[in-house]
Amino acid sequence: MLSQLLPMLAITFSVFILFFVFMGIGYMVKKKPLRGSCGGVAKLMGDENCSFCGNDPNKCDSLIAEQQEHALKAAQLGKSV
């Protein structure tokens, strides 16, 4: 039984590791901040205010636009962000 369990655990562990590696690569390539949703579990638990956007869904978009503007200015100056 142990000889059947170990390969399955190794495969499962490898899949999880690959998943996190690809998530990390995707985060580094896109350079976008991680965002939560203004609903879901927090809303079910009675928390009416969104801690990420302050109930303003345009706020996250404006922050991303601001970060892209700073990155463009830095690129024009020859600096990396």
N, C-alpha and C. Protein backbone atom coordinates (compact mmCIF):
# COMPACT_ATOMS: atom_id res chain seq x y z
N MET A 1 0.81 -1.19 0.00
CA MET A 1 0.00 0.00 0.00
C MET A 1 0.87 1.26 0.00
N LEU A 2 1.95 1.24 0.75
CA LEU A 2 2.84 2.40 0.80
C LEU A 2 3.50 2.64 -0.54
N SER A 3 3.76 1.58 -1.28
CA SER A 3 4.39 1.73 -2.59
C SER A 3 3.44 2.41 -3.59
N GLN A 4 2.15 2.34 -3.37
CA GLN A 4 1.18 3.02 -4.23
C GLN A 4 0.94 4.46 -3.77
N LEU A 5 1.09 4.71 -2.49
CA LEU A 5 0.80 6.03 -1.94
C LEU A 5 1.91 7.04 -2.22
N LEU A 6 3.15 6.61 -2.14
CA LEU A 6 4.27 7.54 -2.33
C LEU A 6 4.31 8.18 -3.71
N PRO A 7 4.14 7.43 -4.80
CA PRO A 7 4.12 8.09 -6.12
C PRO A 7 2.97 9.09 -6.26
N MET A 8 1.81 8.75 -5.70
CA MET A 8 0.67 9.66 -5.78
C MET A 8 0.94 10.95 -5.01
N LEU A 9 1.56 10.83 -3.83
CA LEU A 9 1.91 12.02 -3.06
C LEU A 9 2.96 12.86 -3.78
N ALA A 10 3.92 12.20 -4.41
CA ALA A 10 4.96 12.92 -5.14
C ALA A 10 4.37 13.68 -6.33
N ILE A 11 3.46 13.06 -7.05
CA ILE A 11 2.82 13.71 -8.19
C ILE A 11 1.98 14.90 -7.72
N THR A 12 1.21 14.70 -6.65
CA THR A 12 0.38 15.78 -6.11
C THR A 12 1.23 16.95 -5.65
N PHE A 13 2.29 16.67 -4.93
CA PHE A 13 3.19 17.72 -4.45
C PHE A 13 3.83 18.46 -5.63
N SER A 14 4.23 17.73 -6.66
CA SER A 14 4.84 18.35 -7.85
C SER A 14 3.86 19.27 -8.56
N VAL A 15 2.60 18.86 -8.66
CA VAL A 15 1.59 19.69 -9.31
C VAL A 15 1.38 20.98 -8.53
N PHE A 16 1.32 20.90 -7.20
CA PHE A 16 1.17 22.10 -6.39
C PHE A 16 2.38 23.03 -6.55
N ILE A 17 3.57 22.47 -6.56
CA ILE A 17 4.78 23.28 -6.72
C ILE A 17 4.76 23.97 -8.08
N LEU A 18 4.42 23.25 -9.14
CA LEU A 18 4.35 23.85 -10.47
C LEU A 18 3.30 24.96 -10.52
N PHE A 19 2.17 24.73 -9.86
CA PHE A 19 1.11 25.73 -9.82
C PHE A 19 1.62 27.03 -9.20
N PHE A 20 2.30 26.94 -8.07
CA PHE A 20 2.81 28.14 -7.40
C PHE A 20 3.94 28.79 -8.20
N VAL A 21 4.76 28.00 -8.85
CA VAL A 21 5.83 28.57 -9.68
C VAL A 21 5.23 29.36 -10.83
N PHE A 22 4.23 28.80 -11.52
CA PHE A 22 3.61 29.51 -12.63
C PHE A 22 2.84 30.75 -12.15
N MET A 23 2.24 30.69 -10.98
CA MET A 23 1.59 31.87 -10.42
C MET A 23 2.62 32.96 -10.16
N GLY A 24 3.75 32.60 -9.62
CA GLY A 24 4.81 33.57 -9.36
C GLY A 24 5.36 34.19 -10.63
N ILE A 25 5.56 33.37 -11.65
CA ILE A 25 6.04 33.88 -12.93
C ILE A 25 5.01 34.82 -13.54
N GLY A 26 3.75 34.46 -13.48
CA GLY A 26 2.69 35.31 -14.01
C GLY A 26 2.62 36.64 -13.28
N TYR A 27 2.81 36.61 -11.98
CA TYR A 27 2.79 37.85 -11.19
C TYR A 27 3.97 38.74 -11.56
N MET A 28 5.15 38.14 -11.75
CA MET A 28 6.33 38.92 -12.09
C MET A 28 6.23 39.52 -13.49
N VAL A 29 5.61 38.79 -14.41
CA VAL A 29 5.51 39.27 -15.79
C VAL A 29 4.48 40.39 -15.91
N LYS A 30 3.33 40.21 -15.29
CA LYS A 30 2.26 41.21 -15.44
C LYS A 30 2.46 42.43 -14.55
N LYS A 31 3.11 42.28 -13.41
CA LYS A 31 3.36 43.37 -12.47
C LYS A 31 2.07 44.08 -12.04
N LYS A 32 1.01 43.32 -11.90
CA LYS A 32 -0.24 43.89 -11.42
C LYS A 32 -0.41 43.53 -9.95
N PRO A 33 -1.00 44.42 -9.16
CA PRO A 33 -1.24 44.08 -7.75
C PRO A 33 -2.33 43.04 -7.63
N LEU A 34 -2.21 42.21 -6.63
CA LEU A 34 -3.24 41.23 -6.38
C LEU A 34 -4.47 41.93 -5.82
N ARG A 35 -5.64 41.55 -6.30
CA ARG A 35 -6.87 42.21 -5.87
C ARG A 35 -7.84 41.19 -5.32
N GLY A 36 -8.60 41.63 -4.39
CA GLY A 36 -9.68 40.81 -3.86
C GLY A 36 -10.98 41.20 -4.52
N SER A 37 -12.03 40.54 -4.17
CA SER A 37 -13.32 40.88 -4.73
C SER A 37 -14.12 41.68 -3.70
N CYS A 38 -15.04 42.47 -4.18
CA CYS A 38 -15.90 43.25 -3.28
C CYS A 38 -17.18 42.45 -3.01
N GLY A 39 -17.03 41.26 -2.62
CA GLY A 39 -18.15 40.38 -2.33
C GLY A 39 -17.60 39.12 -1.72
N GLY A 40 -18.25 38.04 -1.96
CA GLY A 40 -17.73 36.77 -1.50
C GLY A 40 -17.88 36.55 -0.01
N VAL A 41 -16.84 36.01 0.60
CA VAL A 41 -16.90 35.58 2.00
C VAL A 41 -17.11 36.76 2.94
N ALA A 42 -16.44 37.89 2.69
CA ALA A 42 -16.58 39.04 3.58
C ALA A 42 -18.02 39.52 3.62
N LYS A 43 -18.66 39.52 2.49
CA LYS A 43 -20.06 39.97 2.43
C LYS A 43 -20.97 38.97 3.16
N LEU A 44 -20.67 37.70 3.05
CA LEU A 44 -21.47 36.68 3.75
C LEU A 44 -21.31 36.78 5.26
N MET A 45 -20.14 37.21 5.72
CA MET A 45 -19.88 37.31 7.15
C MET A 45 -20.41 38.61 7.75
N GLY A 46 -20.99 39.48 6.93
CA GLY A 46 -21.59 40.70 7.43
C GLY A 46 -20.72 41.93 7.29
N ASP A 47 -19.54 41.80 6.69
CA ASP A 47 -18.67 42.96 6.48
C ASP A 47 -19.12 43.65 5.20
N GLU A 48 -19.78 44.77 5.34
CA GLU A 48 -20.35 45.46 4.18
C GLU A 48 -19.32 46.29 3.42
N ASN A 49 -18.23 46.69 4.07
CA ASN A 49 -17.23 47.52 3.42
C ASN A 49 -16.15 46.66 2.80
N CYS A 50 -15.78 47.01 1.60
CA CYS A 50 -14.70 46.31 0.90
C CYS A 50 -13.37 46.92 1.34
N SER A 51 -12.48 46.11 1.88
CA SER A 51 -11.21 46.62 2.38
C SER A 51 -10.24 46.95 1.25
N PHE A 52 -10.49 46.45 0.05
CA PHE A 52 -9.57 46.68 -1.06
C PHE A 52 -9.90 47.96 -1.82
N CYS A 53 -11.17 48.17 -2.10
CA CYS A 53 -11.53 49.32 -2.93
C CYS A 53 -12.37 50.34 -2.19
N GLY A 54 -12.72 50.11 -0.94
CA GLY A 54 -13.53 51.06 -0.18
C GLY A 54 -14.89 51.27 -0.81
N ASN A 55 -15.46 50.22 -1.37
CA ASN A 55 -16.75 50.25 -2.08
C ASN A 55 -16.72 51.13 -3.32
N ASP A 56 -15.53 51.41 -3.84
CA ASP A 56 -15.39 52.16 -5.09
C ASP A 56 -14.64 51.28 -6.08
N PRO A 57 -15.35 50.60 -6.98
CA PRO A 57 -14.67 49.67 -7.90
C PRO A 57 -13.70 50.36 -8.85
N ASN A 58 -13.84 51.67 -9.05
CA ASN A 58 -12.93 52.39 -9.94
C ASN A 58 -11.61 52.71 -9.27
N LYS A 59 -11.54 52.59 -7.95
CA LYS A 59 -10.32 52.93 -7.22
C LYS A 59 -9.18 52.00 -7.60
N CYS A 60 -9.45 50.70 -7.70
CA CYS A 60 -8.39 49.75 -8.06
C CYS A 60 -7.87 50.05 -9.47
N ASP A 61 -8.79 50.39 -10.39
CA ASP A 61 -8.38 50.70 -11.75
C ASP A 61 -7.54 51.97 -11.80
N SER A 62 -7.90 52.97 -10.98
CA SER A 62 -7.12 54.21 -10.99
C SER A 62 -5.73 53.98 -10.39
N LEU A 63 -5.62 53.11 -9.40
CA LEU A 63 -4.31 52.80 -8.83
C LEU A 63 -3.42 52.10 -9.85
N ILE A 64 -4.01 51.20 -10.64
CA ILE A 64 -3.24 50.50 -11.67
C ILE A 64 -2.77 51.49 -12.73
N ALA A 65 -3.65 52.41 -13.13
CA ALA A 65 -3.28 53.41 -14.13
C ALA A 65 -2.16 54.30 -13.61
N GLU A 66 -2.22 54.65 -12.34
CA GLU A 66 -1.18 55.48 -11.73
C GLU A 66 0.16 54.75 -11.70
N GLN A 67 0.13 53.46 -11.38
CA GLN A 67 1.36 52.68 -11.36
C GLN A 67 1.96 52.55 -12.76
N GLN A 68 1.10 52.38 -13.77
CA GLN A 68 1.59 52.30 -15.14
C GLN A 68 2.19 53.63 -15.59
N GLU A 69 1.61 54.73 -15.16
CA GLU A 69 2.15 56.05 -15.50
C GLU A 69 3.53 56.24 -14.89
N HIS A 70 3.70 55.83 -13.63
CA HIS A 70 5.01 55.92 -12.97
C HIS A 70 6.03 55.03 -13.67
N ALA A 71 5.60 53.85 -14.08
CA ALA A 71 6.51 52.93 -14.78
C ALA A 71 6.95 53.51 -16.12
N LEU A 72 6.02 54.18 -16.82
CA LEU A 72 6.35 54.79 -18.11
C LEU A 72 7.35 55.93 -17.93
N LYS A 73 7.13 56.75 -16.89
CA LYS A 73 8.07 57.84 -16.62
C LYS A 73 9.45 57.30 -16.27
N ALA A 74 9.48 56.24 -15.47
CA ALA A 74 10.76 55.64 -15.10
C ALA A 74 11.46 55.04 -16.31
N ALA A 75 10.68 54.44 -17.21
CA ALA A 75 11.27 53.86 -18.42
C ALA A 75 11.85 54.94 -19.31
N GLN A 76 11.18 56.10 -19.35
CA GLN A 76 11.70 57.20 -20.17
C GLN A 76 12.99 57.75 -19.59
N LEU A 77 13.14 57.67 -18.29
CA LEU A 77 14.37 58.13 -17.65
C LEU A 77 15.47 57.07 -17.68
N GLY A 78 15.13 55.88 -18.13
CA GLY A 78 16.10 54.80 -18.22
C GLY A 78 16.28 54.01 -16.95
N LYS A 79 15.31 54.11 -16.06
CA LYS A 79 15.38 53.37 -14.80
C LYS A 79 14.42 52.20 -14.87
N SER A 80 14.73 51.18 -14.10
CA SER A 80 13.79 50.05 -13.99
C SER A 80 12.97 50.24 -12.74
N VAL A 81 11.73 49.78 -12.79
CA VAL A 81 10.81 49.92 -11.66
C VAL A 81 10.90 48.74 -10.77
